[in-house]
C-alpha atoms as a PDB file:
ATOM      1  CA  UNK A   1       0.000   0.000   0.000  1.00  0.00           C
ATOM      2  CA  UNK A   2       2.894   2.320  -0.819  1.00  0.00           C
ATOM      3  CA  UNK A   3       1.861   5.826  -1.877  1.00  0.00           C
ATOM      4  CA  UNK A   4       3.874   8.912  -2.514  1.00  0.00           C
ATOM      5  CA  UNK A   5       2.958  11.440   0.119  1.00  0.00           C
ATOM      6  CA  UNK A   6       3.747  15.113   0.065  1.00  0.00           C
ATOM      7  CA  UNK A   7       3.680  18.020   2.445  1.00  0.00           C
ATOM      8  CA  UNK A   8       4.751  21.551   2.975  1.00  0.00           C
ATOM      9  CA  UNK A   9       5.215  20.870   6.657  1.00  0.00           C
ATOM     10  CA  UNK A  10       7.712  18.905   8.855  1.00  0.00           C
ATOM     11  CA  UNK A  11       9.508  16.047   7.403  1.00  0.00           C
ATOM     12  CA  UNK A  12       6.718  16.247   5.046  1.00  0.00           C
ATOM     13  CA  UNK A  13       5.523  17.860   6.696  1.00  0.00           C
ATOM     14  CA  UNK A  14       3.626  14.792   7.071  1.00  0.00           C
ATOM     15  CA  UNK A  15       0.611  16.126   5.184  1.00  0.00           C
ATOM     16  CA  UNK A  16      -1.089  12.961   4.143  1.00  0.00           C
ATOM     17  CA  UNK A  17      -4.796  12.832   3.875  1.00  0.00           C
ATOM     18  CA  UNK A  18      -6.013  10.334   6.410  1.00  0.00           C
ATOM     19  CA  UNK A  19      -7.825   8.699   3.562  1.00  0.00           C
ATOM     20  CA  UNK A  20      -4.475   7.691   2.102  1.00  0.00           C
ATOM     21  CA  UNK A  21      -4.335  10.189  -0.748  1.00  0.00           C
ATOM     22  CA  UNK A  22      -1.220  12.013  -1.806  1.00  0.00           C
ATOM     23  CA  UNK A  23      -0.370  15.440  -0.460  1.00  0.00           C
ATOM     24  CA  UNK A  24       1.911  18.189  -1.738  1.00  0.00           C
ATOM     25  CA  UNK A  25       5.527  17.815  -0.693  1.00  0.00           C
ATOM     26  CA  UNK A  26       7.777  20.652   0.273  1.00  0.00           C
ATOM     27  CA  UNK A  27      10.850  20.960  -1.891  1.00  0.00           C
ATOM     28  CA  UNK A  28      13.564  18.540  -0.779  1.00  0.00           C
ATOM     29  CA  UNK A  29      11.212  16.233   1.115  1.00  0.00           C
ATOM     30  CA  UNK A  30      10.110  12.788  -0.038  1.00  0.00           C
ATOM     31  CA  UNK A  31       7.464  10.845   1.830  1.00  0.00           C
ATOM     32  CA  UNK A  32       6.131   7.380   1.263  1.00  0.00           C
ATOM     33  CA  UNK A  33       3.315   5.758   3.216  1.00  0.00           C
ATOM     34  CA  UNK A  34       4.399   2.222   4.094  1.00  0.00           C
ATOM     35  CA  UNK A  35       1.129   1.048   5.635  1.00  0.00           C
ATOM     36  CA  UNK A  36      -2.063   2.117   7.393  1.00  0.00           C
ATOM     37  CA  UNK A  37      -4.080   0.048   9.828  1.00  0.00           C
ATOM     38  CA  UNK A  38      -6.812   0.318  12.422  1.00  0.00           C
ATOM     39  CA  UNK A  39      -5.705   0.558  16.050  1.00  0.00           C
ATOM     40  CA  UNK A  40      -7.459  -0.353  19.304  1.00  0.00           C
ATOM     41  CA  UNK A  41      -8.745   3.196  19.866  1.00  0.00           C
ATOM     42  CA  UNK A  42     -12.140   3.450  18.127  1.00  0.00           C
ATOM     43  CA  UNK A  43     -12.148   5.742  15.089  1.00  0.00           C
ATOM     44  CA  UNK A  44      -8.338   5.936  14.887  1.00  0.00           C
ATOM     45  CA  UNK A  45      -5.693   4.476  12.610  1.00  0.00           C
ATOM     46  CA  UNK A  46      -1.912   4.228  12.508  1.00  0.00           C
ATOM     47  CA  UNK A  47      -0.082   5.578   9.469  1.00  0.00           C
ATOM     48  CA  UNK A  48       3.555   4.502   9.007  1.00  0.00           C
ATOM     49  CA  UNK A  49       5.649   6.585   6.600  1.00  0.00           C
ATOM     50  CA  UNK A  50       9.211   6.644   5.341  1.00  0.00           C
ATOM     51  CA  UNK A  51      10.496  10.239   5.139  1.00  0.00           C
ATOM     52  CA  UNK A  52      13.607  11.650   3.471  1.00  0.00           C
ATOM     53  CA  UNK A  53      14.842  15.254   3.727  1.00  0.00           C
ATOM     54  CA  UNK A  54      17.583  16.575   1.496  1.00  0.00           C
ATOM     55  CA  UNK A  55      20.325  18.677   3.140  1.00  0.00           C
ATOM     56  CA  UNK A  56      18.891  22.106   3.997  1.00  0.00           C
ATOM     57  CA  UNK A  57      15.260  21.024   3.499  1.00  0.00           C
ATOM     58  CA  UNK A  58      12.673  22.509   5.870  1.00  0.00           C
ATOM     59  CA  UNK A  59       9.345  20.839   6.536  1.00  0.00           C
ATOM     60  CA  UNK A  60       7.368  23.963   7.464  1.00  0.00           C
ATOM     61  CA  UNK A  61       5.334  24.647  10.605  1.00  0.00           C
ATOM     62  CA  UNK A  62       2.419  22.228  10.979  1.00  0.00           C
ATOM     63  CA  UNK A  63       0.483  20.035  13.411  1.00  0.00           C
ATOM     64  CA  UNK A  64      -1.161  16.601  13.360  1.00  0.00           C
ATOM     65  CA  UNK A  65      -4.611  15.477  14.612  1.00  0.00           C
ATOM     66  CA  UNK A  66      -2.889  12.713  16.575  1.00  0.00           C
ATOM     67  CA  UNK A  67       0.460  11.814  18.078  1.00  0.00           C
ATOM     68  CA  UNK A  68       3.583  11.566  15.929  1.00  0.00           C
ATOM     69  CA  UNK A  69       6.258   9.041  16.899  1.00  0.00           C
ATOM     70  CA  UNK A  70       9.405   9.187  14.748  1.00  0.00           C
ATOM     71  CA  UNK A  71      12.764   7.410  14.605  1.00  0.00           C
ATOM     72  CA  UNK A  72      15.793   8.862  12.787  1.00  0.00           C
ATOM     73  CA  UNK A  73      17.447   6.197  10.641  1.00  0.00           C
ATOM     74  CA  UNK A  74      20.183   8.318   9.042  1.00  0.00           C
ATOM     75  CA  UNK A  75      21.437  11.901   9.099  1.00  0.00           C
ATOM     76  CA  UNK A  76      20.711  14.730  11.496  1.00  0.00           C
ATOM     77  CA  UNK A  77      18.252  17.540  11.883  1.00  0.00           C
ATOM     78  CA  UNK A  78      16.786  20.165  14.131  1.00  0.00           C
ATOM     79  CA  UNK A  79      13.318  19.716  15.600  1.00  0.00           C
ATOM     80  CA  UNK A  80      11.460  22.935  16.413  1.00  0.00           C
ATOM     81  CA  UNK A  81       8.472  22.355  18.686  1.00  0.00           C
ATOM     82  CA  UNK A  82       6.461  25.429  19.646  1.00  0.00           C
ATOM     83  CA  UNK A  83       7.168  26.484  23.245  1.00  0.00           C
ATOM     84  CA  UNK A  84      10.335  24.362  23.500  1.00  0.00           C
ATOM     85  CA  UNK A  85      14.021  24.943  22.824  1.00  0.00           C
ATOM     86  CA  UNK A  86      15.246  23.652  19.435  1.00  0.00           C
ATOM     87  CA  UNK A  87      16.329  20.018  19.670  1.00  0.00           C
ATOM     88  CA  UNK A  88      19.044  18.374  17.604  1.00  0.00           C
ATOM     89  CA  UNK A  89      18.238  14.814  16.491  1.00  0.00           C
ATOM     90  CA  UNK A  90      20.487  12.294  14.753  1.00  0.00           C
ATOM     91  CA  UNK A  91      20.534   8.673  13.622  1.00  0.00           C
ATOM     92  CA  UNK A  92      19.352   6.454  16.474  1.00  0.00           C
ATOM     93  CA  UNK A  93      17.240   9.177  18.127  1.00  0.00           C
ATOM     94  CA  UNK A  94      13.468   9.058  18.484  1.00  0.00           C
ATOM     95  CA  UNK A  95      10.917  11.697  19.393  1.00  0.00           C
ATOM     96  CA  UNK A  96       7.213  12.034  20.171  1.00  0.00           C
ATOM     97  CA  UNK A  97       5.134  15.080  19.292  1.00  0.00           C
ATOM     98  CA  UNK A  98       1.726  15.307  20.975  1.00  0.00           C
ATOM     99  CA  UNK A  99      -1.444  15.776  18.933  1.00  0.00           C
ATOM    100  CA  UNK A 100      -2.089  19.380  17.916  1.00  0.00           C
ATOM    101  CA  UNK A 101       1.402  20.641  18.831  1.00  0.00           C
ATOM    102  CA  UNK A 102       2.810  22.997  16.161  1.00  0.00           C
ATOM    103  CA  UNK A 103       6.293  21.965  15.036  1.00  0.00           C
ATOM    104  CA  UNK A 104       8.827  22.131  12.225  1.00  0.00           C
ATOM    105  CA  UNK A 105      12.027  20.347  11.271  1.00  0.00           C
ATOM    106  CA  UNK A 106      15.015  20.916   9.067  1.00  0.00           C
ATOM    107  CA  UNK A 107      17.922  18.863   7.852  1.00  0.00           C
ATOM    108  CA  UNK A 108      21.053  20.566   9.219  1.00  0.00           C
ATOM    109  CA  UNK A 109      23.461  17.872   8.061  1.00  0.00           C
ATOM    110  CA  UNK A 110      25.322  17.305   4.837  1.00  0.00           C
ATOM    111  CA  UNK A 111      23.501  14.078   3.896  1.00  0.00           C
ATOM    112  CA  UNK A 112      19.917  12.972   3.376  1.00  0.00           C
ATOM    113  CA  UNK A 113      18.050  12.631   6.683  1.00  0.00           C
ATOM    114  CA  UNK A 114      15.913   9.470   6.741  1.00  0.00           C
ATOM    115  CA  UNK A 115      13.155   8.815   9.266  1.00  0.00           C
ATOM    116  CA  UNK A 116      10.310   6.448   9.985  1.00  0.00           C
ATOM    117  CA  UNK A 117       7.231   8.300  11.221  1.00  0.00           C
ATOM    118  CA  UNK A 118       4.226   6.692  12.890  1.00  0.00           C
ATOM    119  CA  UNK A 119       1.059   8.720  13.302  1.00  0.00           C
ATOM    120  CA  UNK A 120      -1.927   7.597  15.354  1.00  0.00           C
ATOM    121  CA  UNK A 121      -4.709   9.801  14.034  1.00  0.00           C
ATOM    122  CA  UNK A 122      -8.461  10.097  13.795  1.00  0.00           C
ATOM    123  CA  UNK A 123      -9.819   8.511  10.629  1.00  0.00           C
ATOM    124  CA  UNK A 124     -11.114  10.964   8.088  1.00  0.00           C
ATOM    125  CA  UNK A 125      -8.940  13.885   9.206  1.00  0.00           C
ATOM    126  CA  UNK A 126      -5.943  15.165   7.267  1.00  0.00           C
ATOM    127  CA  UNK A 127      -2.652  13.753   8.549  1.00  0.00           C
ATOM    128  CA  UNK A 128      -1.184  17.247   8.926  1.00  0.00           C
ATOM    129  CA  UNK A 129      -2.332  20.846   8.787  1.00  0.00           C
ATOM    130  CA  UNK A 130      -0.045  23.798   8.024  1.00  0.00           C
ATOM    131  CA  UNK A 131       0.254  26.223  10.956  1.00  0.00           C
ATOM    132  CA  UNK A 132      -1.091  29.754  10.608  1.00  0.00           C
END
């Protein structure tokens, strides 16, 4: 069930329509949905995506209608979560962003940053929404 996913927000910014459709990618960001499946919470689903950011790529400020759990496979970046100090992440690091929290990310390294993102979101809602 691989689909190309696009976003003008973080590491996508993970702007996938919860229905599984494609969404516009920011320049330098490639996103691919690996799978989607129902979870135990009624009306919710998990979306697993592979994300790649080229050096210097910025996801853009956005939020998700559910929690984001991500693991950095390769490279390094800076995670910018509203109300928090910037956080540097690198291969082997993981992070969790609560539902509704505005955030952004950028690749600050010299190589492609690769991540696996898992989103537990309400069915029927867009995976991500650009911040105002």
